[in-house]
C-alpha atoms as a PDB file:
ATOM      1  CA  MET A   1     -25.309  75.143 -35.842  1.00  0.00           C
ATOM      2  CA  ASP A   2     -23.846  72.225 -37.735  1.00  0.00           C
ATOM      3  CA  SER A   3     -20.107  71.599 -37.878  1.00  0.00           C
ATOM      4  CA  LYS A   4     -18.026  69.234 -39.886  1.00  0.00           C
ATOM      5  CA  LEU A   5     -16.380  66.292 -38.122  1.00  0.00           C
ATOM      6  CA  THR A   6     -13.801  63.927 -39.605  1.00  0.00           C
ATOM      7  CA  LEU A   7     -13.609  60.422 -38.247  1.00  0.00           C
ATOM      8  CA  LYS A   8     -11.234  57.528 -38.907  1.00  0.00           C
ATOM      9  CA  LEU A   9     -13.103  54.230 -38.792  1.00  0.00           C
ATOM     10  CA  ASP A  10     -12.633  50.691 -40.112  1.00  0.00           C
ATOM     11  CA  LYS A  11     -13.940  50.421 -43.719  1.00  0.00           C
ATOM     12  CA  GLU A  12     -16.118  47.442 -42.900  1.00  0.00           C
ATOM     13  CA  ILE A  13     -17.781  49.304 -40.026  1.00  0.00           C
ATOM     14  CA  ILE A  14     -18.432  52.284 -42.271  1.00  0.00           C
ATOM     15  CA  GLU A  15     -20.062  50.079 -44.918  1.00  0.00           C
ATOM     16  CA  GLN A  16     -22.232  48.317 -42.342  1.00  0.00           C
ATOM     17  CA  ALA A  17     -23.212  51.660 -40.839  1.00  0.00           C
ATOM     18  CA  LYS A  18     -24.134  53.022 -44.263  1.00  0.00           C
ATOM     19  CA  SER A  19     -26.234  49.975 -44.915  1.00  0.00           C
ATOM     20  CA  TYR A  20     -27.967  50.312 -41.558  1.00  0.00           C
ATOM     21  CA  ALA A  21     -28.623  54.028 -42.146  1.00  0.00           C
ATOM     22  CA  LYS A  22     -30.055  53.325 -45.583  1.00  0.00           C
ATOM     23  CA  GLU A  23     -32.383  50.581 -44.202  1.00  0.00           C
ATOM     24  CA  HIS A  24     -33.646  53.006 -41.598  1.00  0.00           C
ATOM     25  CA  GLN A  25     -33.924  55.932 -44.084  1.00  0.00           C
ATOM     26  CA  VAL A  26     -31.556  58.189 -42.162  1.00  0.00           C
ATOM     27  CA  SER A  27     -28.253  59.744 -43.124  1.00  0.00           C
ATOM     28  CA  LEU A  28     -25.107  58.419 -41.593  1.00  0.00           C
ATOM     29  CA  SER A  29     -24.413  61.877 -40.137  1.00  0.00           C
ATOM     30  CA  LYS A  30     -27.820  61.940 -38.430  1.00  0.00           C
ATOM     31  CA  LEU A  31     -27.350  58.416 -37.151  1.00  0.00           C
ATOM     32  CA  ILE A  32     -24.037  59.325 -35.521  1.00  0.00           C
ATOM     33  CA  GLU A  33     -25.487  62.611 -34.189  1.00  0.00           C
ATOM     34  CA  ASN A  34     -28.420  60.740 -32.617  1.00  0.00           C
ATOM     35  CA  TYR A  35     -26.071  58.231 -30.980  1.00  0.00           C
ATOM     36  CA  LEU A  36     -23.837  60.991 -29.572  1.00  0.00           C
ATOM     37  CA  GLN A  37     -26.854  62.868 -28.288  1.00  0.00           C
ATOM     38  CA  PHE A  38     -28.103  59.706 -26.643  1.00  0.00           C
ATOM     39  CA  ILE A  39     -24.856  59.025 -24.736  1.00  0.00           C
ATOM     40  CA  VAL A  40     -24.447  62.661 -23.689  1.00  0.00           C
ATOM     41  CA  SER A  41     -28.029  62.935 -22.372  1.00  0.00           C
ATOM     42  CA  LYS A  42     -27.854  59.517 -20.700  1.00  0.00           C
ATOM     43  CA  LYS A  43     -24.692  60.566 -18.814  1.00  0.00           C
ATOM     44  CA  SER A  44     -26.309  63.733 -17.535  1.00  0.00           C
ATOM     45  CA  GLU A  45     -29.502  61.876 -16.555  1.00  0.00           C
ATOM     46  CA  ALA A  46     -27.571  59.310 -14.525  1.00  0.00           C
ATOM     47  CA  ALA A  47     -25.784  62.035 -12.565  1.00  0.00           C
ATOM     48  CA  GLU A  48     -28.945  63.863 -11.506  1.00  0.00           C
ATOM     49  CA  ILE A  49     -31.089  62.661  -8.610  1.00  0.00           C
ATOM     50  CA  SER A  50     -34.627  63.969  -8.536  1.00  0.00           C
ATOM     51  CA  PRO A  51     -35.835  65.815  -5.432  1.00  0.00           C
ATOM     52  CA  LEU A  52     -38.403  63.058  -4.824  1.00  0.00           C
ATOM     53  CA  VAL A  53     -35.778  60.322  -4.796  1.00  0.00           C
ATOM     54  CA  GLU A  54     -33.523  62.468  -2.615  1.00  0.00           C
ATOM     55  CA  SER A  55     -36.354  62.943  -0.099  1.00  0.00           C
ATOM     56  CA  LEU A  56     -36.963  59.198   0.081  1.00  0.00           C
ATOM     57  CA  THR A  57     -33.368  58.297   0.783  1.00  0.00           C
ATOM     58  CA  GLY A  58     -33.129  56.515   4.125  1.00  0.00           C
ATOM     59  CA  VAL A  59     -36.896  56.273   4.687  1.00  0.00           C
ATOM     60  CA  ILE A  60     -36.823  52.472   4.976  1.00  0.00           C
ATOM     61  CA  TYR A  61     -34.315  50.742   7.216  1.00  0.00           C
ATOM     62  CA  MET A  62     -33.648  47.043   6.783  1.00  0.00           C
ATOM     63  CA  GLU A  63     -30.960  44.989   8.347  1.00  0.00           C
ATOM     64  CA  LYS A  64     -28.842  43.328   5.697  1.00  0.00           C
ATOM     65  CA  GLU A  65     -29.598  39.779   6.692  1.00  0.00           C
ATOM     66  CA  ASP A  66     -33.398  40.237   7.008  1.00  0.00           C
ATOM     67  CA  TYR A  67     -34.123  40.478   3.297  1.00  0.00           C
ATOM     68  CA  LYS A  68     -31.762  37.605   2.473  1.00  0.00           C
ATOM     69  CA  LYS A  69     -33.585  35.266   4.883  1.00  0.00           C
ATOM     70  CA  ASP A  70     -36.982  36.380   3.614  1.00  0.00           C
ATOM     71  CA  TYR A  71     -35.900  35.779   0.002  1.00  0.00           C
ATOM     72  CA  SER A  72     -34.462  32.351   0.871  1.00  0.00           C
ATOM     73  CA  ASP A  73     -37.707  31.415   2.645  1.00  0.00           C
ATOM     74  CA  PHE A  74     -39.710  32.608  -0.394  1.00  0.00           C
ATOM     75  CA  LEU A  75     -37.578  30.493  -2.828  1.00  0.00           C
ATOM     76  CA  ALA A  76     -37.736  27.454  -0.539  1.00  0.00           C
ATOM     77  CA  GLU A  77     -41.529  27.643  -0.415  1.00  0.00           C
ATOM     78  CA  LYS A  78     -41.803  28.307  -4.166  1.00  0.00           C
ATOM     79  CA  TYR A  79     -39.711  25.335  -5.238  1.00  0.00           C
ATOM     80  CA  SER A  80     -40.787  22.781  -2.612  1.00  0.00           C
END
């Protein structure tokens, strides 16, 4: 169900957004709706951890200094 929304925005931004929408053959309302949908879905995706990732948590143990030394050795060899 569609609902009306009133926004207060800078005139220049509105004109630029209208131009962008026209170039992409989409209404300004649809453009804003798509953006809002994107940020809402992105937020919910970031909060969820899949069961596979959850099951892999803690599978590999590395001491903090080991990977730093390995990476330093790799860079030294690469650039020497």
